[in-house]
């Protein structure tokens, strides 16, 4: 019984390692393309307000830090948390967003 389990686990481990290597290659390729796009200077980034809308449209109920992280992920730039807060407050005044506690929503 344990011998059979060892064989099954060995085979499973091998398949998992193969998949991991494939994913590593895919991740490296995507990172390279993203770096090339960022370095090209040809990618225009939307205004902060639009990046916040995009983040909240994809993942409603984000905190300020989560919005900062989503913008970093999606656009490859660091927007200071205070910029996010100020923009969110103006958007709230304009009726574009609302918040409940630390979470922001469209």
PDB file of N, CA and C in Angstrom:
ATOM      1  N   UNK A   1       0.832  -1.203   0.000  1.00  0.00           N
ATOM      2  CA  UNK A   1       0.000   0.000   0.000  1.00  0.00           C
ATOM      3  C   UNK A   1       0.869   1.257   0.000  1.00  0.00           C
ATOM      4  N   UNK A   2       1.813   1.330   0.917  1.00  0.00           N
ATOM      5  CA  UNK A   2       2.661   2.517   0.980  1.00  0.00           C
ATOM      6  C   UNK A   2       3.565   2.606  -0.243  1.00  0.00           C
ATOM      7  N   UNK A   3       3.972   1.446  -0.781  1.00  0.00           N
ATOM      8  CA  UNK A   3       4.780   1.439  -1.990  1.00  0.00           C
ATOM      9  C   UNK A   3       4.022   2.039  -3.160  1.00  0.00           C
ATOM     10  N   UNK A   4       2.727   1.679  -3.291  1.00  0.00           N
ATOM     11  CA  UNK A   4       1.897   2.232  -4.360  1.00  0.00           C
ATOM     12  C   UNK A   4       1.703   3.730  -4.181  1.00  0.00           C
ATOM     13  N   UNK A   5       1.506   4.146  -2.927  1.00  0.00           N
ATOM     14  CA  UNK A   5       1.329   5.555  -2.637  1.00  0.00           C
ATOM     15  C   UNK A   5       2.597   6.331  -3.008  1.00  0.00           C
ATOM     16  N   UNK A   6       3.750   5.743  -2.702  1.00  0.00           N
ATOM     17  CA  UNK A   6       5.025   6.401  -3.022  1.00  0.00           C
ATOM     18  C   UNK A   6       5.178   6.575  -4.528  1.00  0.00           C
ATOM     19  N   UNK A   7       4.796   5.569  -5.299  1.00  0.00           N
ATOM     20  CA  UNK A   7       4.876   5.646  -6.762  1.00  0.00           C
ATOM     21  C   UNK A   7       3.944   6.743  -7.268  1.00  0.00           C
ATOM     22  N   UNK A   8       2.709   6.773  -6.771  1.00  0.00           N
ATOM     23  CA  UNK A   8       1.737   7.784  -7.204  1.00  0.00           C
ATOM     24  C   UNK A   8       2.233   9.188  -6.868  1.00  0.00           C
ATOM     25  N   UNK A   9       2.762   9.352  -5.661  1.00  0.00           N
ATOM     26  CA  UNK A   9       3.249  10.667  -5.255  1.00  0.00           C
ATOM     27  C   UNK A   9       4.469  11.093  -6.079  1.00  0.00           C
ATOM     28  N   UNK A  10       5.344  10.153  -6.387  1.00  0.00           N
ATOM     29  CA  UNK A  10       6.502  10.458  -7.228  1.00  0.00           C
ATOM     30  C   UNK A  10       6.087  10.926  -8.603  1.00  0.00           C
ATOM     31  N   UNK A  11       5.096  10.266  -9.184  1.00  0.00           N
ATOM     32  CA  UNK A  11       4.603  10.651 -10.511  1.00  0.00           C
ATOM     33  C   UNK A  11       3.893  12.008 -10.466  1.00  0.00           C
ATOM     34  N   UNK A  12       3.115  12.207  -9.410  1.00  0.00           N
ATOM     35  CA  UNK A  12       2.429  13.483  -9.246  1.00  0.00           C
ATOM     36  C   UNK A  12       3.442  14.611  -9.094  1.00  0.00           C
ATOM     37  N   UNK A  13       4.455  14.388  -8.297  1.00  0.00           N
ATOM     38  CA  UNK A  13       5.500  15.384  -8.105  1.00  0.00           C
ATOM     39  C   UNK A  13       6.186  15.718  -9.424  1.00  0.00           C
ATOM     40  N   UNK A  14       6.468  14.728 -10.227  1.00  0.00           N
ATOM     41  CA  UNK A  14       7.106  14.956 -11.527  1.00  0.00           C
ATOM     42  C   UNK A  14       6.225  15.821 -12.422  1.00  0.00           C
ATOM     43  N   UNK A  15       4.924  15.521 -12.490  1.00  0.00           N
ATOM     44  CA  UNK A  15       3.999  16.318 -13.312  1.00  0.00           C
ATOM     45  C   UNK A  15       3.921  17.748 -12.806  1.00  0.00           C
ATOM     46  N   UNK A  16       3.887  17.906 -11.493  1.00  0.00           N
ATOM     47  CA  UNK A  16       3.820  19.245 -10.920  1.00  0.00           C
ATOM     48  C   UNK A  16       5.083  20.044 -11.240  1.00  0.00           C
ATOM     49  N   UNK A  17       6.237  19.402 -11.167  1.00  0.00           N
ATOM     50  CA  UNK A  17       7.496  20.074 -11.484  1.00  0.00           C
ATOM     51  C   UNK A  17       7.542  20.474 -12.953  1.00  0.00           C
ATOM     52  N   UNK A  18       7.020  19.626 -13.841  1.00  0.00           N
ATOM     53  CA  UNK A  18       6.990  19.942 -15.268  1.00  0.00           C
ATOM     54  C   UNK A  18       6.096  21.158 -15.516  1.00  0.00           C
ATOM     55  N   UNK A  19       4.945  21.163 -14.888  1.00  0.00           N
ATOM     56  CA  UNK A  19       4.027  22.296 -15.048  1.00  0.00           C
ATOM     57  C   UNK A  19       4.650  23.574 -14.496  1.00  0.00           C
ATOM     58  N   UNK A  20       5.340  23.434 -13.373  1.00  0.00           N
ATOM     59  CA  UNK A  20       5.990  24.592 -12.763  1.00  0.00           C
ATOM     60  C   UNK A  20       7.017  25.193 -13.729  1.00  0.00           C
ATOM     61  N   UNK A  21       7.804  24.356 -14.360  1.00  0.00           N
ATOM     62  CA  UNK A  21       8.802  24.843 -15.319  1.00  0.00           C
ATOM     63  C   UNK A  21       8.136  25.550 -16.494  1.00  0.00           C
ATOM     64  N   UNK A  22       7.031  24.987 -16.962  1.00  0.00           N
ATOM     65  CA  UNK A  22       6.297  25.627 -18.058  1.00  0.00           C
ATOM     66  C   UNK A  22       5.777  27.000 -17.634  1.00  0.00           C
ATOM     67  N   UNK A  23       5.224  27.067 -16.439  1.00  0.00           N
ATOM     68  CA  UNK A  23       4.698  28.337 -15.943  1.00  0.00           C
ATOM     69  C   UNK A  23       5.818  29.351 -15.725  1.00  0.00           C
ATOM     70  N   UNK A  24       6.958  28.903 -15.246  1.00  0.00           N
ATOM     71  CA  UNK A  24       8.096  29.809 -15.072  1.00  0.00           C
ATOM     72  C   UNK A  24       8.487  30.438 -16.402  1.00  0.00           C
ATOM     73  N   UNK A  25       8.510  29.639 -17.452  1.00  0.00           N
ATOM     74  CA  UNK A  25       8.857  30.150 -18.779  1.00  0.00           C
ATOM     75  C   UNK A  25       7.813  31.160 -19.250  1.00  0.00           C
ATOM     76  N   UNK A  26       6.551  30.853 -19.044  1.00  0.00           N
ATOM     77  CA  UNK A  26       5.480  31.772 -19.433  1.00  0.00           C
ATOM     78  C   UNK A  26       5.587  33.081 -18.656  1.00  0.00           C
ATOM     79  N   UNK A  27       5.829  32.988 -17.366  1.00  0.00           N
ATOM     80  CA  UNK A  27       5.943  34.176 -16.520  1.00  0.00           C
ATOM     81  C   UNK A  27       7.116  35.032 -16.982  1.00  0.00           C
ATOM     82  N   UNK A  28       8.236  34.402 -17.273  1.00  0.00           N
ATOM     83  CA  UNK A  28       9.410  35.151 -17.739  1.00  0.00           C
ATOM     84  C   UNK A  28       9.117  35.880 -19.043  1.00  0.00           C
ATOM     85  N   UNK A  29       8.436  35.212 -19.947  1.00  0.00           N
ATOM     86  CA  UNK A  29       8.093  35.818 -21.223  1.00  0.00           C
ATOM     87  C   UNK A  29       7.178  37.024 -21.028  1.00  0.00           C
ATOM     88  N   UNK A  30       6.163  36.874 -20.216  1.00  0.00           N
ATOM     89  CA  UNK A  30       5.226  37.977 -19.978  1.00  0.00           C
ATOM     90  C   UNK A  30       5.948  39.138 -19.295  1.00  0.00           C
ATOM     91  N   UNK A  31       6.813  38.846 -18.318  1.00  0.00           N
ATOM     92  CA  UNK A  31       7.581  39.913 -17.662  1.00  0.00           C
ATOM     93  C   UNK A  31       8.429  40.674 -18.670  1.00  0.00           C
ATOM     94  N   UNK A  32       9.052  39.951 -19.580  1.00  0.00           N
ATOM     95  CA  UNK A  32       9.897  40.576 -20.591  1.00  0.00           C
ATOM     96  C   UNK A  32       9.087  41.505 -21.491  1.00  0.00           C
ATOM     97  N   UNK A  33       7.929  41.062 -21.930  1.00  0.00           N
ATOM     98  CA  UNK A  33       7.086  41.885 -22.795  1.00  0.00           C
ATOM     99  C   UNK A  33       6.599  43.127 -22.043  1.00  0.00           C
ATOM    100  N   UNK A  34       6.193  42.956 -20.791  1.00  0.00           N
ATOM    101  CA  UNK A  34       5.755  44.099 -19.984  1.00  0.00           C
ATOM    102  C   UNK A  34       6.894  45.098 -19.831  1.00  0.00           C
ATOM    103  N   UNK A  35       8.095  44.620 -19.543  1.00  0.00           N
ATOM    104  CA  UNK A  35       9.260  45.502 -19.395  1.00  0.00           C
ATOM    105  C   UNK A  35       9.541  46.248 -20.693  1.00  0.00           C
ATOM    106  N   UNK A  36       9.421  45.564 -21.827  1.00  0.00           N
ATOM    107  CA  UNK A  36       9.650  46.219 -23.120  1.00  0.00           C
ATOM    108  C   UNK A  36       8.607  47.305 -23.374  1.00  0.00           C
ATOM    109  N   UNK A  37       7.354  47.012 -23.051  1.00  0.00           N
ATOM    110  CA  UNK A  37       6.298  48.013 -23.218  1.00  0.00           C
ATOM    111  C   UNK A  37       6.560  49.225 -22.334  1.00  0.00           C
ATOM    112  N   UNK A  38       6.913  48.976 -21.074  1.00  0.00           N
ATOM    113  CA  UNK A  38       7.173  50.078 -20.148  1.00  0.00           C
ATOM    114  C   UNK A  38       8.371  50.911 -20.612  1.00  0.00           C
ATOM    115  N   UNK A  39       9.407  50.255 -21.113  1.00  0.00           N
ATOM    116  CA  UNK A  39      10.614  50.954 -21.544  1.00  0.00           C
ATOM    117  C   UNK A  39      10.406  51.721 -22.847  1.00  0.00           C
ATOM    118  N   UNK A  40       9.434  51.314 -23.648  1.00  0.00           N
ATOM    119  CA  UNK A  40       9.228  51.945 -24.956  1.00  0.00           C
ATOM    120  C   UNK A  40       8.750  53.387 -24.841  1.00  0.00           C
ATOM    121  N   UNK A  41       8.078  53.697 -23.752  1.00  0.00           N
ATOM    122  CA  UNK A  41       7.521  55.042 -23.601  1.00  0.00           C
ATOM    123  C   UNK A  41       6.323  55.289 -24.494  1.00  0.00           C
ATOM    124  N   UNK A  42       5.880  54.277 -25.197  1.00  0.00           N
ATOM    125  CA  UNK A  42       4.757  54.429 -26.120  1.00  0.00           C
ATOM    126  C   UNK A  42       3.407  54.143 -25.476  1.00  0.00           C
ATOM    127  N   UNK A  43       3.429  53.588 -24.286  1.00  0.00           N
ATOM    128  CA  UNK A  43       2.182  53.264 -23.602  1.00  0.00           C
ATOM    129  C   UNK A  43       1.715  54.507 -22.849  1.00  0.00           C
ATOM    130  N   UNK A  44       0.543  54.993 -23.212  1.00  0.00           N
ATOM    131  CA  UNK A  44      -0.007  56.140 -22.497  1.00  0.00           C
ATOM    132  C   UNK A  44      -0.881  55.628 -21.362  1.00  0.00           C
ATOM    133  N   UNK A  45      -0.659  56.197 -20.224  1.00  0.00           N
ATOM    134  CA  UNK A  45      -1.427  55.779 -19.053  1.00  0.00           C
ATOM    135  C   UNK A  45      -2.548  56.775 -18.816  1.00  0.00           C
ATOM    136  N   UNK A  46      -3.693  56.271 -18.439  1.00  0.00           N
ATOM    137  CA  UNK A  46      -4.832  57.165 -18.206  1.00  0.00           C
ATOM    138  C   UNK A  46      -4.615  58.014 -16.948  1.00  0.00           C
ATOM    139  N   UNK A  47      -5.439  59.030 -16.763  1.00  0.00           N
ATOM    140  CA  UNK A  47      -5.370  59.825 -15.537  1.00  0.00           C
ATOM    141  C   UNK A  47      -5.647  58.947 -14.311  1.00  0.00           C
ATOM    142  N   UNK A  48      -5.194  59.418 -13.168  1.00  0.00           N
ATOM    143  CA  UNK A  48      -5.368  58.672 -11.915  1.00  0.00           C
ATOM    144  C   UNK A  48      -6.829  58.303 -11.693  1.00  0.00           C
ATOM    145  N   UNK A  49      -7.698  59.221 -11.956  1.00  0.00           N
ATOM    146  CA  UNK A  49      -9.137  58.980 -11.775  1.00  0.00           C
ATOM    147  C   UNK A  49      -9.589  57.753 -12.571  1.00  0.00           C
ATOM    148  N   UNK A  50      -9.151  57.653 -13.816  1.00  0.00           N
ATOM    149  CA  UNK A  50      -9.549  56.516 -14.655  1.00  0.00           C
ATOM    150  C   UNK A  50      -8.932  55.212 -14.151  1.00  0.00           C
ATOM    151  N   UNK A  51      -7.686  55.278 -13.690  1.00  0.00           N
ATOM    152  CA  UNK A  51      -7.053  54.063 -13.163  1.00  0.00           C
ATOM    153  C   UNK A  51      -7.791  53.559 -11.928  1.00  0.00           C
ATOM    154  N   UNK A  52      -8.272  54.489 -11.096  1.00  0.00           N
ATOM    155  CA  UNK A  52      -9.051  54.099  -9.915  1.00  0.00           C
ATOM    156  C   UNK A  52     -10.366  53.457 -10.344  1.00  0.00           C
ATOM    157  N   UNK A  53     -11.041  54.056 -11.313  1.00  0.00           N
ATOM    158  CA  UNK A  53     -12.298  53.489 -11.824  1.00  0.00           C
ATOM    159  C   UNK A  53     -12.052  52.076 -12.350  1.00  0.00           C
ATOM    160  N   UNK A  54     -10.979  51.907 -13.119  1.00  0.00           N
ATOM    161  CA  UNK A  54     -10.662  50.579 -13.660  1.00  0.00           C
ATOM    162  C   UNK A  54     -10.423  49.571 -12.544  1.00  0.00           C
ATOM    163  N   UNK A  55      -9.686  49.979 -11.520  1.00  0.00           N
ATOM    164  CA  UNK A  55      -9.404  49.073 -10.398  1.00  0.00           C
ATOM    165  C   UNK A  55     -10.685  48.678  -9.686  1.00  0.00           C
ATOM    166  N   UNK A  56     -11.559  49.654  -9.422  1.00  0.00           N
ATOM    167  CA  UNK A  56     -12.795  49.371  -8.694  1.00  0.00           C
ATOM    168  C   UNK A  56     -13.816  48.629  -9.545  1.00  0.00           C
ATOM    169  N   UNK A  57     -13.740  48.794 -10.848  1.00  0.00           N
ATOM    170  CA  UNK A  57     -14.643  48.057 -11.733  1.00  0.00           C
ATOM    171  C   UNK A  57     -14.283  46.569 -11.716  1.00  0.00           C
ATOM    172  N   UNK A  58     -12.994  46.276 -11.670  1.00  0.00           N
ATOM    173  CA  UNK A  58     -12.539  44.886 -11.683  1.00  0.00           C
ATOM    174  C   UNK A  58     -12.646  44.222 -10.320  1.00  0.00           C
ATOM    175  N   UNK A  59     -12.450  45.004  -9.261  1.00  0.00           N
ATOM    176  CA  UNK A  59     -12.458  44.448  -7.904  1.00  0.00           C
ATOM    177  C   UNK A  59     -13.135  45.447  -6.971  1.00  0.00           C
ATOM    178  N   UNK A  60     -14.451  45.411  -6.881  1.00  0.00           N
ATOM    179  CA  UNK A  60     -15.151  46.374  -6.033  1.00  0.00           C
ATOM    180  C   UNK A  60     -14.793  46.196  -4.559  1.00  0.00           C
ATOM    181  N   UNK A  61     -14.827  47.290  -3.837  1.00  0.00           N
ATOM    182  CA  UNK A  61     -14.601  47.239  -2.400  1.00  0.00           C
ATOM    183  C   UNK A  61     -13.140  47.170  -2.021  1.00  0.00           C
ATOM    184  N   UNK A  62     -12.299  47.977  -2.666  1.00  0.00           N
ATOM    185  CA  UNK A  62     -10.872  47.967  -2.374  1.00  0.00           C
ATOM    186  C   UNK A  62     -10.510  49.045  -1.361  1.00  0.00           C
ATOM    187  N   UNK A  63      -9.495  48.757  -0.568  1.00  0.00           N
ATOM    188  CA  UNK A  63      -8.927  49.773   0.308  1.00  0.00           C
ATOM    189  C   UNK A  63      -7.988  50.647  -0.515  1.00  0.00           C
ATOM    190  N   UNK A  64      -7.541  51.736   0.073  1.00  0.00           N
ATOM    191  CA  UNK A  64      -6.613  52.628  -0.625  1.00  0.00           C
ATOM    192  C   UNK A  64      -5.350  51.874  -1.031  1.00  0.00           C
ATOM    193  N   UNK A  65      -4.780  51.088  -0.130  1.00  0.00           N
ATOM    194  CA  UNK A  65      -3.564  50.331  -0.433  1.00  0.00           C
ATOM    195  C   UNK A  65      -3.802  49.312  -1.540  1.00  0.00           C
ATOM    196  N   UNK A  66      -4.971  48.704  -1.548  1.00  0.00           N
ATOM    197  CA  UNK A  66      -5.297  47.750  -2.610  1.00  0.00           C
ATOM    198  C   UNK A  66      -5.454  48.448  -3.960  1.00  0.00           C
ATOM    199  N   UNK A  67      -5.951  49.681  -3.945  1.00  0.00           N
ATOM    200  CA  UNK A  67      -6.049  50.457  -5.187  1.00  0.00           C
ATOM    201  C   UNK A  67      -4.647  50.787  -5.688  1.00  0.00           C
ATOM    202  N   UNK A  68      -3.758  51.193  -4.781  1.00  0.00           N
ATOM    203  CA  UNK A  68      -2.364  51.472  -5.145  1.00  0.00           C
ATOM    204  C   UNK A  68      -1.739  50.223  -5.770  1.00  0.00           C
ATOM    205  N   UNK A  69      -1.954  49.061  -5.150  1.00  0.00           N
ATOM    206  CA  UNK A  69      -1.391  47.799  -5.655  1.00  0.00           C
ATOM    207  C   UNK A  69      -1.982  47.432  -7.013  1.00  0.00           C
ATOM    208  N   UNK A  70      -3.280  47.657  -7.200  1.00  0.00           N
ATOM    209  CA  UNK A  70      -3.922  47.339  -8.484  1.00  0.00           C
ATOM    210  C   UNK A  70      -3.362  48.225  -9.602  1.00  0.00           C
ATOM    211  N   UNK A  71      -3.127  49.486  -9.305  1.00  0.00           N
ATOM    212  CA  UNK A  71      -2.557  50.390 -10.311  1.00  0.00           C
ATOM    213  C   UNK A  71      -1.127  49.970 -10.635  1.00  0.00           C
ATOM    214  N   UNK A  72      -0.370  49.607  -9.614  1.00  0.00           N
ATOM    215  CA  UNK A  72       1.005  49.126  -9.839  1.00  0.00           C
ATOM    216  C   UNK A  72       0.985  47.893 -10.736  1.00  0.00           C
ATOM    217  N   UNK A  73       0.059  46.976 -10.451  1.00  0.00           N
ATOM    218  CA  UNK A  73      -0.051  45.740 -11.232  1.00  0.00           C
ATOM    219  C   UNK A  73      -0.473  46.027 -12.672  1.00  0.00           C
ATOM    220  N   UNK A  74      -1.490  46.857 -12.840  1.00  0.00           N
ATOM    221  CA  UNK A  74      -2.083  47.070 -14.159  1.00  0.00           C
ATOM    222  C   UNK A  74      -1.299  48.034 -15.039  1.00  0.00           C
ATOM    223  N   UNK A  75      -0.693  49.047 -14.429  1.00  0.00           N
ATOM    224  CA  UNK A  75      -0.041  50.095 -15.212  1.00  0.00           C
ATOM    225  C   UNK A  75       1.463  50.198 -14.980  1.00  0.00           C
ATOM    226  N   UNK A  76       1.972  49.483 -13.989  1.00  0.00           N
ATOM    227  CA  UNK A  76       3.403  49.482 -13.738  1.00  0.00           C
ATOM    228  C   UNK A  76       3.950  50.775 -13.171  1.00  0.00           C
ATOM    229  N   UNK A  77       3.092  51.538 -12.518  1.00  0.00           N
ATOM    230  CA  UNK A  77       3.545  52.793 -11.922  1.00  0.00           C
ATOM    231  C   UNK A  77       3.146  52.859 -10.449  1.00  0.00           C
ATOM    232  N   UNK A  78       3.896  53.655  -9.716  1.00  0.00           N
ATOM    233  CA  UNK A  78       3.607  53.885  -8.303  1.00  0.00           C
ATOM    234  C   UNK A  78       2.869  55.212  -8.180  1.00  0.00           C
ATOM    235  N   UNK A  79       1.648  55.149  -7.712  1.00  0.00           N
ATOM    236  CA  UNK A  79       0.900  56.366  -7.421  1.00  0.00           C
ATOM    237  C   UNK A  79       0.905  56.506  -5.896  1.00  0.00           C
ATOM    238  N   UNK A  80       1.378  57.637  -5.387  1.00  0.00           N
ATOM    239  CA  UNK A  80       1.439  57.805  -3.929  1.00  0.00           C
ATOM    240  C   UNK A  80       0.056  57.644  -3.286  1.00  0.00           C
ATOM    241  N   UNK A  81      -0.002  57.001  -2.125  1.00  0.00           N
ATOM    242  CA  UNK A  81      -1.290  56.820  -1.440  1.00  0.00           C
ATOM    243  C   UNK A  81      -2.043  58.128  -1.208  1.00  0.00           C
ATOM    244  N   UNK A  82      -1.321  59.223  -0.919  1.00  0.00           N
ATOM    245  CA  UNK A  82      -2.002  60.504  -0.706  1.00  0.00           C
ATOM    246  C   UNK A  82      -2.666  61.010  -1.980  1.00  0.00           C
ATOM    247  N   UNK A  83      -2.070  60.716  -3.133  1.00  0.00           N
ATOM    248  CA  UNK A  83      -2.688  61.083  -4.408  1.00  0.00           C
ATOM    249  C   UNK A  83      -3.981  60.301  -4.601  1.00  0.00           C
ATOM    250  N   UNK A  84      -3.936  59.021  -4.249  1.00  0.00           N
ATOM    251  CA  UNK A  84      -5.141  58.188  -4.344  1.00  0.00           C
ATOM    252  C   UNK A  84      -6.225  58.727  -3.428  1.00  0.00           C
ATOM    253  N   UNK A  85      -5.861  59.061  -2.193  1.00  0.00           N
ATOM    254  CA  UNK A  85      -6.844  59.574  -1.231  1.00  0.00           C
ATOM    255  C   UNK A  85      -7.481  60.862  -1.736  1.00  0.00           C
ATOM    256  N   UNK A  86      -6.666  61.800  -2.197  1.00  0.00           N
ATOM    257  CA  UNK A  86      -7.205  63.068  -2.700  1.00  0.00           C
ATOM    258  C   UNK A  86      -8.117  62.863  -3.892  1.00  0.00           C
ATOM    259  N   UNK A  87      -7.704  61.998  -4.785  1.00  0.00           N
ATOM    260  CA  UNK A  87      -8.517  61.724  -5.978  1.00  0.00           C
ATOM    261  C   UNK A  87      -9.822  61.043  -5.584  1.00  0.00           C
ATOM    262  N   UNK A  88      -9.754  60.093  -4.665  1.00  0.00           N
ATOM    263  CA  UNK A  88     -10.976  59.423  -4.199  1.00  0.00           C
ATOM    264  C   UNK A  88     -11.941  60.421  -3.559  1.00  0.00           C
ATOM    265  N   UNK A  89     -11.423  61.333  -2.771  1.00  0.00           N
ATOM    266  CA  UNK A  89     -12.284  62.336  -2.121  1.00  0.00           C
ATOM    267  C   UNK A  89     -12.968  63.224  -3.171  1.00  0.00           C
ATOM    268  N   UNK A  90     -12.220  63.658  -4.182  1.00  0.00           N
ATOM    269  CA  UNK A  90     -12.832  64.466  -5.244  1.00  0.00           C
ATOM    270  C   UNK A  90     -13.860  63.651  -6.014  1.00  0.00           C
ATOM    271  N   UNK A  91     -13.537  62.390  -6.273  1.00  0.00           N
ATOM    272  CA  UNK A  91     -14.488  61.525  -6.977  1.00  0.00           C
ATOM    273  C   UNK A  91     -15.740  61.307  -6.141  1.00  0.00           C
ATOM    274  N   UNK A  92     -15.576  61.211  -4.825  1.00  0.00           N
ATOM    275  CA  UNK A  92     -16.730  61.055  -3.932  1.00  0.00           C
ATOM    276  C   UNK A  92     -17.608  62.311  -3.988  1.00  0.00           C
ATOM    277  N   UNK A  93     -16.990  63.472  -3.971  1.00  0.00           N
ATOM    278  CA  UNK A  93     -17.726  64.732  -4.068  1.00  0.00           C
ATOM    279  C   UNK A  93     -18.502  64.810  -5.379  1.00  0.00           C
ATOM    280  N   UNK A  94     -17.892  64.280  -6.438  1.00  0.00           N
ATOM    281  CA  UNK A  94     -18.539  64.275  -7.757  1.00  0.00           C
ATOM    282  C   UNK A  94     -19.561  63.151  -7.914  1.00  0.00           C
ATOM    283  N   UNK A  95     -19.717  62.318  -6.891  1.00  0.00           N
ATOM    284  CA  UNK A  95     -20.695  61.233  -6.932  1.00  0.00           C
ATOM    285  C   UNK A  95     -20.239  60.007  -7.709  1.00  0.00           C
ATOM    286  N   UNK A  96     -18.946  59.900  -7.972  1.00  0.00           N
ATOM    287  CA  UNK A  96     -18.438  58.774  -8.760  1.00  0.00           C
ATOM    288  C   UNK A  96     -18.157  57.543  -7.904  1.00  0.00           C
ATOM    289  N   UNK A  97     -17.759  57.748  -6.652  1.00  0.00           N
ATOM    290  CA  UNK A  97     -17.427  56.634  -5.760  1.00  0.00           C
ATOM    291  C   UNK A  97     -18.055  56.886  -4.391  1.00  0.00           C
ATOM    292  N   UNK A  98     -18.085  55.840  -3.621  1.00  0.00           N
ATOM    293  CA  UNK A  98     -18.528  55.935  -2.230  1.00  0.00           C
ATOM    294  C   UNK A  98     -17.643  55.005  -1.412  1.00  0.00           C
ATOM    295  N   UNK A  99     -17.640  55.211  -0.122  1.00  0.00           N
ATOM    296  CA  UNK A  99     -16.843  54.312   0.706  1.00  0.00           C
ATOM    297  C   UNK A  99     -17.651  53.856   1.909  1.00  0.00           C
ATOM    298  N   UNK A 100     -17.295  52.684   2.362  1.00  0.00           N
ATOM    299  CA  UNK A 100     -17.863  52.099   3.568  1.00  0.00           C
ATOM    300  C   UNK A 100     -16.668  51.651   4.396  1.00  0.00           C
ATOM    301  N   UNK A 101     -16.397  52.351   5.477  1.00  0.00           N
ATOM    302  CA  UNK A 101     -15.207  52.067   6.254  1.00  0.00           C
ATOM    303  C   UNK A 101     -13.984  52.400   5.432  1.00  0.00           C
ATOM    304  N   UNK A 102     -13.101  51.441   5.300  1.00  0.00           N
ATOM    305  CA  UNK A 102     -11.867  51.628   4.522  1.00  0.00           C
ATOM    306  C   UNK A 102     -12.016  51.185   3.059  1.00  0.00           C
ATOM    307  N   UNK A 103     -13.192  50.703   2.669  1.00  0.00           N
ATOM    308  CA  UNK A 103     -13.418  50.157   1.332  1.00  0.00           C
ATOM    309  C   UNK A 103     -14.109  51.148   0.419  1.00  0.00           C
ATOM    310  N   UNK A 104     -13.649  51.208  -0.838  1.00  0.00           N
ATOM    311  CA  UNK A 104     -14.190  52.114  -1.831  1.00  0.00           C
ATOM    312  C   UNK A 104     -14.921  51.339  -2.933  1.00  0.00           C
ATOM    313  N   UNK A 105     -16.017  51.947  -3.407  1.00  0.00           N
ATOM    314  CA  UNK A 105     -16.885  51.318  -4.413  1.00  0.00           C
ATOM    315  C   UNK A 105     -17.284  52.352  -5.462  1.00  0.00           C
ATOM    316  N   UNK A 106     -17.575  51.870  -6.664  1.00  0.00           N
ATOM    317  CA  UNK A 106     -18.125  52.747  -7.721  1.00  0.00           C
ATOM    318  C   UNK A 106     -19.577  53.033  -7.419  1.00  0.00           C
TER     319      UNK A 106
END
